[in-house]
Amino acid sequence: MKTAFSILLFFTLSIISAQTNEKASINKYNFMVDLGTDISLNDYSKTCLNANILNGILFQNGQSLNIGTGVIYEIDESVQIPLFLDYRIRSNDKKTSPMFIGEVGGIIFNKSSWKKGLFLKIGFGMDIKNSERFTSQLYISYKIQQAEVIDFSSGSFLDTEKKGLKSLGLNYTLVFN
């Protein structure tokens, strides 16, 4: 939890410093629709599909800070609803630009036998300006998430074991500026 707070604090301070920059005098509202899939990298995580909506601020220097929620549908038909803070940055102002994404959040609704908690997601990809009002983003990501799973080896359904779920994702985002 301290690590997640430290990351959030770092992103907040970098946004504040960006706002004081002369170039960052004009900030825009942005709305994003993010669609993707996460592929399991260990025994405890599951392959899933996700759809998220994000609202936030796009700063003049290419950084954006957003809050998002959505639906995560796991292959075994369990459903999760996340709530997260999203930070994105473009490396330049050209039509195509490499980008970085960072997310930290948690699951606020979980229809599953596993108790899932905080997650951290980092990703890299390409940001393509379609027009002044629309941008497409395609990125791959790595996600780790806390979870408590039932330990069947003990013979009791009350025993749980903490696990770290890991997955690799592929996402497409349409940004409305």
Foldseek 3Di string as FASTA:
>chain_A
DVVLVVVVVVLVVVVVVLCVDPQQVDKDKKKKWKWKWWPFDDDPDFIWTWIKIWIWIQTRQFKIKIWMWTWIAGPVGKIWIKTKIKIKGFPDDDQKTKMKIKIWTFTPDIRDLKAWTIKIKIWIWMWGDPDPFKIKTKIKMKMKTWIWAQDCVVVDRVDTDIDITIIMMIMMMMMTD
